[in-house]
Amino acid sequence: MNVGIAYARPNAQIWRNLDVAEGSTVRDVIEASGLLDEFPEIDTDTNKVGIFGTVAKLDKPVKEGDRVEIYRPIHPDAEFLEKRQ
């Protein structure tokens, strides 16, 4: 089954397509992607993950065509913009 995985760093965006077995989970996709070896800052115990912008648990099964996403934490010094009305 074909799925995608996405991860973004401040200076790079990674998108990969993977062929995984039926019944694979979000965790399986992340592990199969090789991203954990390439980007040691990814910690699946602390980084949130999701499918198409919706937070998901690591044990959630993926479906054909899903895009698994690994989210970075927001830096505490990031500036926030207020929406002014």
N, C-alpha and C. Protein backbone atom coordinates (compact mmCIF):
# COMPACT_ATOMS: atom_id res chain seq x y z
N MET A 1 0.86 -1.16 0.00
CA MET A 1 0.00 0.00 0.00
C MET A 1 0.91 1.23 0.00
N ASN A 2 0.56 2.22 -0.79
CA ASN A 2 1.37 3.42 -0.95
C ASN A 2 0.92 4.51 0.03
N VAL A 3 1.88 5.02 0.81
CA VAL A 3 1.61 6.14 1.73
C VAL A 3 2.76 7.13 1.61
N GLY A 4 2.55 8.31 2.13
CA GLY A 4 3.60 9.32 2.15
C GLY A 4 3.96 9.66 3.58
N ILE A 5 5.13 10.27 3.72
CA ILE A 5 5.54 10.78 5.03
C ILE A 5 6.19 12.13 4.81
N ALA A 6 5.90 13.07 5.72
CA ALA A 6 6.43 14.42 5.60
C ALA A 6 7.01 14.87 6.94
N TYR A 7 8.13 15.59 6.83
CA TYR A 7 8.77 16.20 7.99
C TYR A 7 9.43 17.48 7.52
N ALA A 8 9.30 18.54 8.30
CA ALA A 8 9.90 19.81 7.91
C ALA A 8 10.81 20.32 9.02
N ARG A 9 12.01 20.70 8.61
CA ARG A 9 12.94 21.40 9.48
C ARG A 9 12.91 22.86 9.05
N PRO A 10 13.49 23.76 9.82
CA PRO A 10 13.49 25.16 9.40
C PRO A 10 14.14 25.37 8.03
N ASN A 11 15.10 24.52 7.68
CA ASN A 11 15.83 24.73 6.43
C ASN A 11 15.62 23.62 5.40
N ALA A 12 14.73 22.68 5.67
CA ALA A 12 14.52 21.58 4.71
C ALA A 12 13.15 20.95 4.92
N GLN A 13 12.58 20.50 3.83
CA GLN A 13 11.31 19.78 3.88
C GLN A 13 11.50 18.43 3.23
N ILE A 14 11.05 17.40 3.91
CA ILE A 14 11.23 16.04 3.41
C ILE A 14 9.87 15.44 3.13
N TRP A 15 9.75 14.85 1.95
CA TRP A 15 8.53 14.15 1.56
C TRP A 15 8.97 12.85 0.89
N ARG A 16 8.46 11.75 1.37
CA ARG A 16 8.79 10.46 0.78
C ARG A 16 7.53 9.64 0.57
N ASN A 17 7.53 8.87 -0.49
CA ASN A 17 6.50 7.87 -0.69
C ASN A 17 7.06 6.52 -0.29
N LEU A 18 6.24 5.72 0.36
CA LEU A 18 6.67 4.41 0.83
C LEU A 18 5.63 3.37 0.45
N ASP A 19 6.09 2.17 0.27
CA ASP A 19 5.19 1.04 0.08
C ASP A 19 5.25 0.24 1.38
N VAL A 20 4.13 0.17 2.10
CA VAL A 20 4.08 -0.53 3.38
C VAL A 20 3.00 -1.60 3.32
N ALA A 21 3.09 -2.54 4.23
CA ALA A 21 2.14 -3.65 4.28
C ALA A 21 0.77 -3.18 4.77
N GLU A 22 -0.27 -3.84 4.31
CA GLU A 22 -1.62 -3.60 4.85
C GLU A 22 -1.56 -3.78 6.36
N GLY A 23 -2.27 -2.94 7.09
CA GLY A 23 -2.28 -3.03 8.55
C GLY A 23 -1.16 -2.26 9.22
N SER A 24 -0.31 -1.59 8.43
CA SER A 24 0.77 -0.79 9.01
C SER A 24 0.18 0.37 9.80
N THR A 25 0.92 0.78 10.82
CA THR A 25 0.51 1.89 11.66
C THR A 25 1.36 3.13 11.36
N VAL A 26 0.97 4.23 11.96
CA VAL A 26 1.76 5.46 11.84
C VAL A 26 3.19 5.19 12.28
N ARG A 27 3.38 4.48 13.38
CA ARG A 27 4.72 4.15 13.86
C ARG A 27 5.49 3.34 12.83
N ASP A 28 4.83 2.36 12.21
CA ASP A 28 5.49 1.53 11.19
C ASP A 28 5.99 2.38 10.02
N VAL A 29 5.17 3.34 9.59
CA VAL A 29 5.55 4.20 8.48
C VAL A 29 6.76 5.05 8.86
N ILE A 30 6.72 5.63 10.06
CA ILE A 30 7.83 6.46 10.51
C ILE A 30 9.12 5.64 10.56
N GLU A 31 9.04 4.46 11.13
CA GLU A 31 10.24 3.61 11.23
C GLU A 31 10.74 3.18 9.86
N ALA A 32 9.85 2.84 8.95
CA ALA A 32 10.24 2.39 7.61
C ALA A 32 10.82 3.53 6.77
N SER A 33 10.49 4.77 7.11
CA SER A 33 10.92 5.92 6.31
C SER A 33 12.42 6.21 6.41
N GLY A 34 13.04 5.80 7.50
CA GLY A 34 14.45 6.12 7.73
C GLY A 34 14.67 7.50 8.33
N LEU A 35 13.60 8.25 8.55
CA LEU A 35 13.74 9.61 9.08
C LEU A 35 14.31 9.63 10.49
N LEU A 36 14.04 8.61 11.30
CA LEU A 36 14.56 8.59 12.67
C LEU A 36 16.08 8.51 12.68
N ASP A 37 16.66 7.83 11.70
CA ASP A 37 18.12 7.75 11.61
C ASP A 37 18.72 9.05 11.06
N GLU A 38 18.03 9.67 10.11
CA GLU A 38 18.54 10.89 9.48
C GLU A 38 18.40 12.12 10.35
N PHE A 39 17.36 12.16 11.16
CA PHE A 39 17.06 13.35 11.96
C PHE A 39 16.91 12.95 13.42
N PRO A 40 18.02 12.89 14.15
CA PRO A 40 17.97 12.42 15.53
C PRO A 40 17.13 13.30 16.46
N GLU A 41 16.80 14.50 16.01
CA GLU A 41 15.96 15.36 16.85
C GLU A 41 14.52 14.87 16.92
N ILE A 42 14.12 13.99 16.02
CA ILE A 42 12.77 13.44 16.07
C ILE A 42 12.69 12.45 17.22
N ASP A 43 11.75 12.70 18.10
CA ASP A 43 11.52 11.82 19.24
C ASP A 43 10.03 11.48 19.24
N THR A 44 9.71 10.26 18.88
CA THR A 44 8.29 9.89 18.77
C THR A 44 7.58 9.88 20.12
N ASP A 45 8.34 10.00 21.21
CA ASP A 45 7.70 10.11 22.53
C ASP A 45 7.25 11.55 22.81
N THR A 46 7.86 12.53 22.11
CA THR A 46 7.50 13.93 22.36
C THR A 46 6.94 14.65 21.14
N ASN A 47 7.42 14.33 19.93
CA ASN A 47 6.89 14.97 18.73
C ASN A 47 5.48 14.46 18.46
N LYS A 48 4.59 15.38 18.19
CA LYS A 48 3.26 14.96 17.77
C LYS A 48 3.34 14.48 16.33
N VAL A 49 2.44 13.58 15.98
CA VAL A 49 2.36 13.06 14.62
C VAL A 49 0.91 13.12 14.18
N GLY A 50 0.71 13.03 12.87
CA GLY A 50 -0.65 13.08 12.38
C GLY A 50 -0.78 12.51 10.98
N ILE A 51 -2.00 12.54 10.50
CA ILE A 51 -2.32 12.13 9.14
C ILE A 51 -3.12 13.26 8.52
N PHE A 52 -2.61 13.83 7.43
CA PHE A 52 -3.27 14.94 6.74
C PHE A 52 -3.70 16.05 7.69
N GLY A 53 -2.80 16.47 8.60
CA GLY A 53 -3.07 17.61 9.45
C GLY A 53 -3.90 17.33 10.68
N THR A 54 -4.25 16.08 10.92
CA THR A 54 -5.01 15.71 12.11
C THR A 54 -4.12 14.86 13.00
N VAL A 55 -3.94 15.30 14.24
CA VAL A 55 -3.09 14.56 15.17
C VAL A 55 -3.60 13.13 15.30
N ALA A 56 -2.65 12.19 15.30
CA ALA A 56 -2.99 10.77 15.40
C ALA A 56 -2.06 10.08 16.38
N LYS A 57 -2.50 8.97 16.90
CA LYS A 57 -1.65 8.15 17.77
C LYS A 57 -0.75 7.28 16.91
N LEU A 58 0.38 6.89 17.49
CA LEU A 58 1.34 6.08 16.75
C LEU A 58 0.79 4.72 16.34
N ASP A 59 -0.19 4.21 17.06
CA ASP A 59 -0.75 2.90 16.75
C ASP A 59 -1.94 2.95 15.78
N LYS A 60 -2.24 4.14 15.25
CA LYS A 60 -3.34 4.27 14.31
C LYS A 60 -2.96 3.61 12.98
N PRO A 61 -3.80 2.73 12.46
CA PRO A 61 -3.53 2.13 11.15
C PRO A 61 -3.61 3.19 10.04
N VAL A 62 -2.76 3.06 9.05
CA VAL A 62 -2.81 3.97 7.90
C VAL A 62 -3.56 3.30 6.76
N LYS A 63 -4.05 4.16 5.85
CA LYS A 63 -4.77 3.68 4.68
C LYS A 63 -4.02 4.08 3.42
N GLU A 64 -4.34 3.43 2.34
CA GLU A 64 -3.77 3.75 1.02
C GLU A 64 -3.87 5.26 0.79
N GLY A 65 -2.74 5.88 0.43
CA GLY A 65 -2.73 7.29 0.09
C GLY A 65 -2.57 8.25 1.26
N ASP A 66 -2.58 7.74 2.50
CA ASP A 66 -2.41 8.63 3.66
C ASP A 66 -1.06 9.32 3.62
N ARG A 67 -1.00 10.53 4.22
CA ARG A 67 0.26 11.24 4.40
C ARG A 67 0.50 11.35 5.90
N VAL A 68 1.49 10.63 6.39
CA VAL A 68 1.89 10.71 7.79
C VAL A 68 2.78 11.93 7.95
N GLU A 69 2.54 12.70 9.01
CA GLU A 69 3.30 13.93 9.25
C GLU A 69 3.91 13.89 10.64
N ILE A 70 5.15 14.33 10.73
CA ILE A 70 5.83 14.47 12.01
C ILE A 70 5.94 15.96 12.28
N TYR A 71 5.38 16.40 13.39
CA TYR A 71 5.34 17.83 13.70
C TYR A 71 6.48 18.22 14.62
N ARG A 72 7.05 19.40 14.34
CA ARG A 72 8.07 19.98 15.21
C ARG A 72 7.38 20.79 16.29
N PRO A 73 7.98 20.85 17.48
CA PRO A 73 7.41 21.74 18.50
C PRO A 73 7.62 23.19 18.08
N ILE A 74 6.73 24.04 18.51
CA ILE A 74 6.89 25.47 18.27
C ILE A 74 7.95 25.98 19.25
N HIS A 75 8.90 26.72 18.73
CA HIS A 75 9.98 27.25 19.56
C HIS A 75 9.40 28.29 20.52
N PRO A 76 9.81 28.26 21.79
CA PRO A 76 9.23 29.20 22.76
C PRO A 76 9.52 30.67 22.44
N ASP A 77 10.54 30.96 21.62
CA ASP A 77 10.85 32.34 21.27
C ASP A 77 10.18 32.78 19.99
N ALA A 78 9.33 31.93 19.41
CA ALA A 78 8.65 32.29 18.16
C ALA A 78 7.72 33.48 18.42
N GLU A 79 7.62 34.32 17.41
CA GLU A 79 6.73 35.47 17.53
C GLU A 79 5.33 35.06 17.09
N PHE A 80 4.35 35.52 17.82
CA PHE A 80 2.96 35.23 17.47
C PHE A 80 2.32 36.49 16.93
N LEU A 81 1.57 36.35 15.89
CA LEU A 81 0.87 37.48 15.30
C LEU A 81 -0.57 37.45 15.74
N GLU A 82 -1.05 38.59 16.16
CA GLU A 82 -2.45 38.68 16.56
C GLU A 82 -3.28 39.01 15.33
N LYS A 83 -4.44 38.42 15.26
CA LYS A 83 -5.38 38.78 14.21
C LYS A 83 -6.15 39.99 14.72
N ARG A 84 -6.00 41.07 13.99
CA ARG A 84 -6.66 42.32 14.42
C ARG A 84 -7.95 42.50 13.66
N GLN A 85 -8.97 42.83 14.38
CA GLN A 85 -10.27 43.03 13.74
C GLN A 85 -10.69 44.45 13.81
